[in-house]
């Protein structure tokens, strides 16, 4: 077994970004024979999967040091402290300087994240194994959606200054990254913690102005309320911002949105998509949607099905509701699991058809495709593409003709 250290990542894009910070710190300080599990806590099932993988790793590598960090370690450190397979438990703040916390060698190194206001460090080098580069612009969340445990793993809102973000992106461009994805826990709230409140549109405008060499800029998941006028102007008028928006909708029913403590209505979501589509017709939309939230009636579920068409969604992530202990939603009247599964099946079927329709609509058209590994890539609208010939221009855009499609990919040749 290799003595080289590794980082095993679960969950979101922000975790991918932070895992790269961990990797660079481990490499810089020549830390060996260590496996770091960067965990997710979004569902109870996520925690179960992490525990399973930890036990598997210990069985495979009995002499290896196992460290658990991330949101699950932050929220329930005692869960991992009780596991004999785990050597150290490190919190979400502490992981960003993992070498110094490994050296302390405390079994548990987890501070109260709600009481901290630490500045956010960033990447010093490019990603070692990715073509597209995630860049954190903020962390934490000041909002308390009733189904979500993540603020207790991430703390309150902390935004990076514009100059720091631009400097970090410039480093990644120099390292060869052509596409940058702005990410965080709640990027729609970027700058709301500054003495003079900032807006995400201002940050995006500054990035595009200060970095003319940046070819491709993409936003990660956005709340509907985060689209200020400057941001909308840039999305619709600047082709360097890719025409793909993924929305944190969660439901298409106003009563459920209120019970979730979301900050938008279904009407506001539809109006936003209409406005963006009218100004930039080639734009595509994706969304996260939860089915089976407590008290969701059949009529409420039908409203969620309808919003797929009303917002013209092409890419849909379906989440069957599962109560997360410690959240208000876990104390609400629950829906029978069989009904939740059936609604998830129906929505996934609709999502499947939407994706298939989008892919079939590409056939016969030339598209710009950003190439990743294994001859796979994405259109600017985030449609997954497979090239039918070997392609060596990883991390770059090519022009391709889509000649076929199935349920999962469009198939293309370079032109």
Protein backbone atom coordinates (compact mmCIF):
# COMPACT_ATOMS: atom_id res chain seq x y z
CA UNK A 1 0.00 0.00 0.00
CA UNK A 2 1.27 3.47 -0.93
CA UNK A 3 2.59 5.67 1.88
CA UNK A 4 1.37 8.74 0.01
CA UNK A 5 -1.31 10.77 1.78
CA UNK A 6 -4.77 11.11 0.25
CA UNK A 7 -7.91 13.20 0.65
CA UNK A 8 -11.25 11.45 0.16
CA UNK A 9 -13.98 13.98 -0.57
CA UNK A 10 -17.72 13.71 0.01
CA UNK A 11 -20.44 16.19 -0.87
CA UNK A 12 -20.40 19.63 -2.38
CA UNK A 13 -18.20 21.73 -4.64
CA UNK A 14 -17.01 23.73 -1.66
CA UNK A 15 -15.67 20.52 -0.14
CA UNK A 16 -13.82 19.82 -3.40
CA UNK A 17 -12.22 23.26 -3.13
CA UNK A 18 -11.26 22.78 0.52
CA UNK A 19 -9.91 19.30 -0.20
CA UNK A 20 -7.47 20.92 -2.64
CA UNK A 21 -6.32 23.28 0.15
CA UNK A 22 -5.79 20.19 2.34
CA UNK A 23 -3.89 18.36 -0.42
CA UNK A 24 -1.58 21.30 -1.01
CA UNK A 25 -0.90 21.65 2.74
CA UNK A 26 -0.15 17.93 3.12
CA UNK A 27 2.20 17.98 0.13
CA UNK A 28 3.99 21.13 1.23
CA UNK A 29 4.69 19.65 4.66
CA UNK A 30 5.49 16.14 3.36
CA UNK A 31 2.76 14.43 5.39
CA UNK A 32 2.68 10.72 4.52
CA UNK A 33 0.64 7.60 5.27
CA UNK A 34 -2.49 9.59 6.09
CA UNK A 35 -6.06 9.38 4.76
CA UNK A 36 -8.19 12.48 5.29
CA UNK A 37 -11.95 12.04 4.94
CA UNK A 38 -13.51 15.41 4.10
CA UNK A 39 -17.09 14.66 5.11
CA UNK A 40 -20.60 15.82 4.23
CA UNK A 41 -23.55 16.12 6.62
CA UNK A 42 -26.38 17.13 4.29
CA UNK A 43 -28.31 13.90 5.10
CA UNK A 44 -28.09 11.15 7.67
CA UNK A 45 -27.36 8.82 4.78
CA UNK A 46 -24.25 10.84 3.95
CA UNK A 47 -22.85 10.21 7.43
CA UNK A 48 -23.60 6.48 7.19
CA UNK A 49 -21.74 6.25 3.88
CA UNK A 50 -18.70 8.04 5.32
CA UNK A 51 -18.56 5.67 8.30
CA UNK A 52 -18.77 2.71 5.94
CA UNK A 53 -15.84 4.03 3.86
CA UNK A 54 -13.76 4.69 6.98
CA UNK A 55 -14.19 1.09 8.15
CA UNK A 56 -13.30 -0.15 4.69
CA UNK A 57 -10.14 1.97 4.63
CA UNK A 58 -9.04 0.72 8.05
CA UNK A 59 -9.52 -2.87 6.95
CA UNK A 60 -7.45 -2.26 3.80
CA UNK A 61 -4.75 -0.20 5.59
CA UNK A 62 -4.46 -1.16 9.27
CA UNK A 63 -1.34 0.98 9.83
CA UNK A 64 -2.53 4.12 8.10
CA UNK A 65 -3.53 7.28 9.99
CA UNK A 66 -7.21 8.12 9.46
CA UNK A 67 -8.43 11.68 9.95
CA UNK A 68 -12.04 12.84 9.64
CA UNK A 69 -12.91 16.46 8.95
CA UNK A 70 -15.67 18.40 7.16
CA UNK A 71 -19.27 19.16 8.07
CA UNK A 72 -20.12 15.80 9.65
CA UNK A 73 -17.01 16.01 11.86
CA UNK A 74 -17.91 19.58 12.82
CA UNK A 75 -21.56 18.84 13.67
CA UNK A 76 -21.15 15.48 15.41
CA UNK A 77 -17.48 14.97 16.34
CA UNK A 78 -18.44 12.46 19.02
CA UNK A 79 -19.78 10.10 16.33
CA UNK A 80 -16.31 9.76 14.81
CA UNK A 81 -14.47 9.98 18.13
CA UNK A 82 -16.28 6.78 19.13
CA UNK A 83 -15.04 4.95 16.04
CA UNK A 84 -11.91 2.92 16.85
CA UNK A 85 -10.85 3.22 13.20
CA UNK A 86 -10.45 7.02 13.49
CA UNK A 87 -7.22 8.57 14.80
CA UNK A 88 -8.19 12.26 14.70
CA UNK A 89 -11.30 14.39 14.27
CA UNK A 90 -10.67 17.90 12.93
CA UNK A 91 -13.22 20.69 12.46
CA UNK A 92 -14.13 22.73 9.40
CA UNK A 93 -12.04 25.74 10.41
CA UNK A 94 -9.10 23.64 11.53
CA UNK A 95 -8.93 21.63 8.30
CA UNK A 96 -7.86 24.70 6.36
CA UNK A 97 -4.52 24.51 8.20
CA UNK A 98 -4.50 20.76 8.54
CA UNK A 99 -0.76 20.20 9.01
CA UNK A 100 -0.56 22.34 12.16
CA UNK A 101 -3.62 20.59 13.60
CA UNK A 102 -2.25 17.15 12.78
CA UNK A 103 0.91 18.08 14.66
CA UNK A 104 -1.08 18.88 17.81
CA UNK A 105 -2.16 15.23 17.71
CA UNK A 106 -5.30 15.88 19.79
CA UNK A 107 -7.90 13.17 19.27
CA UNK A 108 -10.52 15.89 18.66
CA UNK A 109 -9.71 19.39 17.41
CA UNK A 110 -13.10 21.01 16.79
CA UNK A 111 -13.93 24.56 17.87
CA UNK A 112 -17.33 26.25 18.12
CA UNK A 113 -17.66 27.44 14.53
CA UNK A 114 -20.47 29.86 15.39
CA UNK A 115 -18.15 31.89 17.61
CA UNK A 116 -15.40 32.22 15.00
CA UNK A 117 -14.88 34.86 12.34
CA UNK A 118 -11.63 33.65 10.83
CA UNK A 119 -10.48 34.96 7.48
CA UNK A 120 -10.65 32.42 4.69
CA UNK A 121 -7.39 31.22 3.19
CA UNK A 122 -7.22 30.09 -0.42
CA UNK A 123 -5.36 28.06 -2.99
CA UNK A 124 -1.70 28.82 -3.62
CA UNK A 125 -1.49 26.62 -6.73
CA UNK A 126 -3.78 25.15 -9.36
CA UNK A 127 -5.79 21.96 -8.93
CA UNK A 128 -3.71 18.84 -9.34
CA UNK A 129 -6.38 16.71 -11.02
CA UNK A 130 -9.14 18.98 -12.33
CA UNK A 131 -9.59 21.02 -15.52
CA UNK A 132 -12.31 23.35 -14.23
CA UNK A 133 -11.37 25.19 -11.02
CA UNK A 134 -13.71 25.93 -8.13
CA UNK A 135 -13.01 29.16 -6.24
CA UNK A 136 -14.61 29.88 -2.88
CA UNK A 137 -16.00 33.41 -2.57
CA UNK A 138 -17.75 32.93 0.77
CA UNK A 139 -18.43 30.38 3.46
CA UNK A 140 -21.16 29.91 6.05
CA UNK A 141 -24.81 30.94 5.98
CA UNK A 142 -26.90 33.36 8.04
CA UNK A 143 -30.18 31.77 7.00
CA UNK A 144 -31.87 28.83 8.66
CA UNK A 145 -33.88 26.76 6.22
CA UNK A 146 -35.87 24.31 8.30
CA UNK A 147 -34.52 21.20 6.54
CA UNK A 148 -30.84 22.20 6.54
CA UNK A 149 -28.16 21.33 9.09
CA UNK A 150 -25.27 22.87 7.13
CA UNK A 151 -25.08 26.28 8.90
CA UNK A 152 -24.12 24.38 12.07
CA UNK A 153 -21.26 22.80 10.16
CA UNK A 154 -20.17 25.94 8.34
CA UNK A 155 -20.93 28.78 10.74
CA UNK A 156 -22.22 32.21 9.82
CA UNK A 157 -21.55 34.13 6.62
CA UNK A 158 -17.93 35.05 5.91
CA UNK A 159 -17.14 36.60 2.52
CA UNK A 160 -13.77 36.93 0.82
CA UNK A 161 -12.76 40.37 -0.31
CA UNK A 162 -12.91 41.07 -4.03
CA UNK A 163 -9.14 41.66 -4.29
CA UNK A 164 -8.36 38.31 -2.63
CA UNK A 165 -10.70 36.43 -4.96
CA UNK A 166 -9.27 38.12 -8.05
CA UNK A 167 -5.71 37.33 -6.94
CA UNK A 168 -6.62 33.66 -6.38
CA UNK A 169 -8.33 33.37 -9.78
CA UNK A 170 -5.32 34.97 -11.46
CA UNK A 171 -3.08 32.31 -9.87
CA UNK A 172 -5.34 29.57 -11.26
CA UNK A 173 -5.34 31.12 -14.73
CA UNK A 174 -1.53 31.24 -14.70
CA UNK A 175 -1.58 27.56 -13.67
CA UNK A 176 -3.56 26.78 -16.82
CA UNK A 177 -7.21 26.73 -15.73
CA UNK A 178 -9.52 28.14 -18.40
CA UNK A 179 -12.82 27.83 -16.55
CA UNK A 180 -13.52 29.16 -13.05
CA UNK A 181 -16.61 28.29 -11.00
CA UNK A 182 -17.50 30.63 -8.13
CA UNK A 183 -18.67 28.57 -5.19
CA UNK A 184 -19.59 28.72 -1.52
CA UNK A 185 -22.39 27.78 0.86
CA UNK A 186 -24.63 30.70 -0.12
CA UNK A 187 -22.94 32.72 -2.86
CA UNK A 188 -26.08 34.84 -3.30
CA UNK A 189 -25.23 36.45 0.06
CA UNK A 190 -21.66 37.36 -0.88
CA UNK A 191 -20.67 40.70 0.67
CA UNK A 192 -23.68 41.01 2.98
CA UNK A 193 -21.32 40.78 5.96
CA UNK A 194 -19.12 43.70 4.83
CA UNK A 195 -19.33 47.03 6.64
CA UNK A 196 -20.52 48.46 3.33
CA UNK A 197 -22.76 45.68 2.03
CA UNK A 198 -21.58 44.19 -1.23
CA UNK A 199 -23.53 42.50 -4.02
CA UNK A 200 -22.54 39.45 -6.03
CA UNK A 201 -22.99 41.38 -9.26
CA UNK A 202 -20.28 43.82 -8.18
CA UNK A 203 -17.84 40.97 -7.54
CA UNK A 204 -18.57 39.34 -10.91
CA UNK A 205 -18.17 42.69 -12.68
CA UNK A 206 -14.81 43.28 -10.94
CA UNK A 207 -13.55 39.79 -11.85
CA UNK A 208 -14.40 40.25 -15.52
CA UNK A 209 -12.89 43.74 -15.62
CA UNK A 210 -9.65 42.92 -13.78
CA UNK A 211 -9.06 39.56 -15.48
CA UNK A 212 -9.58 39.98 -19.24
CA UNK A 213 -7.55 36.79 -19.71
CA UNK A 214 -10.27 34.76 -17.95
CA UNK A 215 -12.04 32.86 -20.72
CA UNK A 216 -14.91 31.15 -18.90
CA UNK A 217 -16.75 32.04 -15.67
CA UNK A 218 -19.53 29.95 -14.20
CA UNK A 219 -21.67 30.38 -11.08
CA UNK A 220 -22.43 27.46 -8.80
CA UNK A 221 -25.86 26.98 -7.19
CA UNK A 222 -27.72 30.25 -6.65
CA UNK A 223 -30.71 31.36 -4.61
CA UNK A 224 -33.38 33.15 -6.62
CA UNK A 225 -33.10 36.27 -4.44
CA UNK A 226 -29.39 36.67 -5.22
CA UNK A 227 -29.77 38.06 -8.74
CA UNK A 228 -29.16 41.80 -8.41
CA UNK A 229 -29.46 44.00 -11.50
CA UNK A 230 -25.69 44.22 -12.04
CA UNK A 231 -25.42 40.43 -11.96
CA UNK A 232 -28.30 39.99 -14.40
CA UNK A 233 -26.74 42.55 -16.74
CA UNK A 234 -23.43 40.68 -16.74
CA UNK A 235 -25.03 37.24 -17.17
CA UNK A 236 -27.10 38.40 -20.12
CA UNK A 237 -24.54 40.64 -21.84
CA UNK A 238 -21.11 39.10 -21.22
CA UNK A 239 -20.41 35.87 -23.09
CA UNK A 240 -17.54 35.00 -20.75
CA UNK A 241 -20.19 34.15 -18.15
CA UNK A 242 -21.45 30.76 -19.28
CA UNK A 243 -25.17 30.47 -20.10
CA UNK A 244 -26.06 27.99 -17.39
CA UNK A 245 -27.73 28.81 -14.07
CA UNK A 246 -28.41 26.24 -11.36
CA UNK A 247 -31.07 27.36 -8.89
CA UNK A 248 -31.72 26.29 -5.32
CA UNK A 249 -35.50 26.11 -5.83
CA UNK A 250 -36.26 23.20 -3.43
CA UNK A 251 -40.01 23.34 -4.12
CA UNK A 252 -42.54 24.74 -6.57
CA UNK A 253 -45.21 25.34 -3.94
CA UNK A 254 -45.44 28.59 -1.99
CA UNK A 255 -46.71 27.06 1.25
CA UNK A 256 -43.91 24.48 1.29
CA UNK A 257 -41.38 27.23 0.50
CA UNK A 258 -42.65 29.14 3.55
CA UNK A 259 -42.42 26.07 5.77
CA UNK A 260 -38.89 25.52 4.48
CA UNK A 261 -38.13 29.21 5.30
CA UNK A 262 -36.95 29.82 1.78
CA UNK A 263 -36.57 33.43 0.66
CA UNK A 264 -38.41 33.29 -2.67
CA UNK A 265 -41.83 32.46 -4.07
CA UNK A 266 -42.62 30.29 -7.09
CA UNK A 267 -43.70 33.44 -8.96
CA UNK A 268 -40.32 35.10 -8.32
CA UNK A 269 -38.49 32.01 -9.62
CA UNK A 270 -40.56 31.92 -12.81
CA UNK A 271 -40.15 35.68 -13.34
CA UNK A 272 -36.36 35.41 -12.95
CA UNK A 273 -36.08 32.57 -15.47
CA UNK A 274 -38.30 34.42 -17.93
CA UNK A 275 -36.19 37.57 -17.60
CA UNK A 276 -32.91 35.74 -18.13
CA UNK A 277 -34.22 33.61 -21.01
CA UNK A 278 -35.67 36.64 -22.80
CA UNK A 279 -32.37 38.54 -22.58
CA UNK A 280 -30.17 35.53 -23.40
CA UNK A 281 -32.16 32.83 -25.20
CA UNK A 282 -29.36 30.22 -25.20
CA UNK A 283 -29.28 30.07 -21.39
CA UNK A 284 -30.18 26.78 -19.68
CA UNK A 285 -31.44 26.22 -16.15
CA UNK A 286 -30.94 23.51 -13.57
CA UNK A 287 -32.40 23.21 -10.07
CA UNK A 288 -32.41 21.32 -6.80
CA UNK A 289 -35.87 20.07 -5.82
CA UNK A 290 -37.00 18.25 -2.67
CA UNK A 291 -40.05 15.98 -2.72
CA UNK A 292 -41.93 14.69 0.30
CA UNK A 293 -41.20 17.63 2.59
CA UNK A 294 -43.40 17.42 5.73
CA UNK A 295 -47.05 18.37 5.05
CA UNK A 296 -46.58 18.24 1.24
CA UNK A 297 -49.96 17.38 -0.28
CA UNK A 298 -50.57 15.97 -3.74
CA UNK A 299 -51.54 19.44 -4.96
CA UNK A 300 -48.31 20.88 -3.55
CA UNK A 301 -46.29 18.16 -5.27
CA UNK A 302 -48.05 18.93 -8.55
CA UNK A 303 -46.88 22.55 -8.20
CA UNK A 304 -43.31 21.28 -8.03
CA UNK A 305 -43.87 19.24 -11.19
CA UNK A 306 -45.33 22.30 -12.92
CA UNK A 307 -42.42 24.57 -12.06
CA UNK A 308 -40.08 22.30 -14.05
CA UNK A 309 -41.90 23.46 -17.18
CA UNK A 310 -42.61 26.99 -15.99
CA UNK A 311 -38.91 27.64 -15.29
CA UNK A 312 -37.83 25.59 -18.34
CA UNK A 313 -35.48 23.40 -16.31
CA UNK A 314 -33.15 21.06 -18.19
CA UNK A 315 -31.00 19.67 -15.36
CA UNK A 316 -32.77 18.62 -12.18
CA UNK A 317 -31.35 17.18 -8.96
CA UNK A 318 -34.14 15.32 -7.12
CA UNK A 319 -33.86 14.87 -3.35
CA UNK A 320 -36.37 12.66 -1.52
CA UNK A 321 -36.86 14.35 1.85
CA UNK A 322 -35.22 12.62 4.79
CA UNK A 323 -35.41 14.25 8.24
CA UNK A 324 -32.06 15.46 9.52
CA UNK A 325 -31.92 15.27 13.34
CA UNK A 326 -31.45 18.73 14.81
CA UNK A 327 -33.50 20.55 12.18
CA UNK A 328 -37.03 21.98 12.65
CA UNK A 329 -38.30 19.95 9.68
CA UNK A 330 -37.48 16.73 11.54
CA UNK A 331 -40.12 17.69 14.15
CA UNK A 332 -42.85 18.39 11.60
CA UNK A 333 -45.53 15.82 10.63
CA UNK A 334 -43.74 13.41 8.28
CA UNK A 335 -45.02 11.90 5.04
CA UNK A 336 -45.07 8.15 4.54
CA UNK A 337 -41.77 6.99 3.01
CA UNK A 338 -43.55 5.02 0.26
CA UNK A 339 -45.27 8.21 -0.90
CA UNK A 340 -41.96 10.10 -0.85
CA UNK A 341 -40.33 7.41 -2.98
CA UNK A 342 -43.17 7.45 -5.47
CA UNK A 343 -43.01 11.24 -5.83
CA UNK A 344 -39.23 11.04 -6.27
CA UNK A 345 -39.75 8.44 -9.00
CA UNK A 346 -42.25 10.65 -10.83
CA UNK A 347 -40.05 13.76 -10.63
CA UNK A 348 -36.94 11.83 -11.67
CA UNK A 349 -38.81 10.49 -14.67
CA UNK A 350 -39.73 14.04 -15.65
CA UNK A 351 -36.12 15.15 -15.08
CA UNK A 352 -34.89 12.28 -17.25
CA UNK A 353 -37.19 13.32 -20.08
CA UNK A 354 -36.12 16.97 -19.82
CA UNK A 355 -32.46 16.01 -20.06
CA UNK A 356 -33.13 13.66 -22.96
CA UNK A 357 -35.07 16.36 -24.82
CA UNK A 358 -32.21 18.83 -24.38
CA UNK A 359 -29.61 16.32 -25.60
CA UNK A 360 -31.69 15.26 -28.60
CA UNK A 361 -32.13 18.93 -29.48
CA UNK A 362 -28.36 19.28 -29.88
CA UNK A 363 -28.10 16.70 -32.67
CA UNK A 364 -27.06 18.29 -35.94
CA UNK A 365 -25.75 21.45 -34.28
CA UNK A 366 -22.22 22.75 -33.71
CA UNK A 367 -21.43 23.56 -30.10
CA UNK A 368 -18.50 24.80 -28.08
CA UNK A 369 -17.45 21.96 -25.79
CA UNK A 370 -15.10 22.28 -22.84
CA UNK A 371 -13.04 19.08 -22.71
CA UNK A 372 -12.32 17.27 -19.46
CA UNK A 373 -10.93 13.77 -19.06
CA UNK A 374 -11.66 10.54 -20.97
CA UNK A 375 -12.97 12.34 -24.08
CA UNK A 376 -15.85 13.82 -22.09
CA UNK A 377 -16.86 17.43 -21.68
CA UNK A 378 -19.70 19.92 -21.38
CA UNK A 379 -21.36 22.47 -23.63
CA UNK A 380 -21.59 26.00 -22.31
CA UNK A 381 -25.14 25.10 -21.21
CA UNK A 382 -23.69 22.18 -19.21
CA UNK A 383 -24.92 19.39 -21.47
CA UNK A 384 -22.68 16.31 -21.05
CA UNK A 385 -20.83 15.37 -24.26
CA UNK A 386 -18.73 12.38 -25.33
CA UNK A 387 -16.29 12.75 -28.21
CA UNK A 388 -16.15 9.86 -30.67
CA UNK A 389 -12.44 10.32 -31.29
CA UNK A 390 -9.43 10.66 -29.01
CA UNK A 391 -9.00 14.20 -27.76
CA UNK A 392 -5.86 15.54 -26.10
CA UNK A 393 -6.92 19.15 -25.51
CA UNK A 394 -8.04 18.59 -21.93
CA UNK A 395 -8.98 21.77 -20.12
CA UNK A 396 -9.71 23.64 -23.35
CA UNK A 397 -12.70 24.46 -25.52
CA UNK A 398 -13.21 22.99 -28.98
CA UNK A 399 -15.89 23.30 -31.63
CA UNK A 400 -17.81 20.07 -32.06
CA UNK A 401 -20.68 18.75 -34.14
CA UNK A 402 -23.23 16.74 -32.15
CA UNK A 403 -24.15 13.76 -34.33
CA UNK A 404 -26.10 11.57 -31.90
CA UNK A 405 -27.55 11.46 -28.37
CA UNK A 406 -28.90 9.00 -25.84
CA UNK A 407 -30.29 9.33 -22.32
CA UNK A 408 -26.96 10.36 -20.82
CA UNK A 409 -24.76 12.10 -23.41
CA UNK A 410 -24.60 13.92 -26.68
CA UNK A 411 -22.02 12.33 -29.03
CA UNK A 412 -19.79 14.60 -31.06
CA UNK A 413 -16.91 14.90 -33.48
CA UNK A 414 -14.45 17.78 -33.61
CA UNK A 415 -14.94 20.26 -36.46
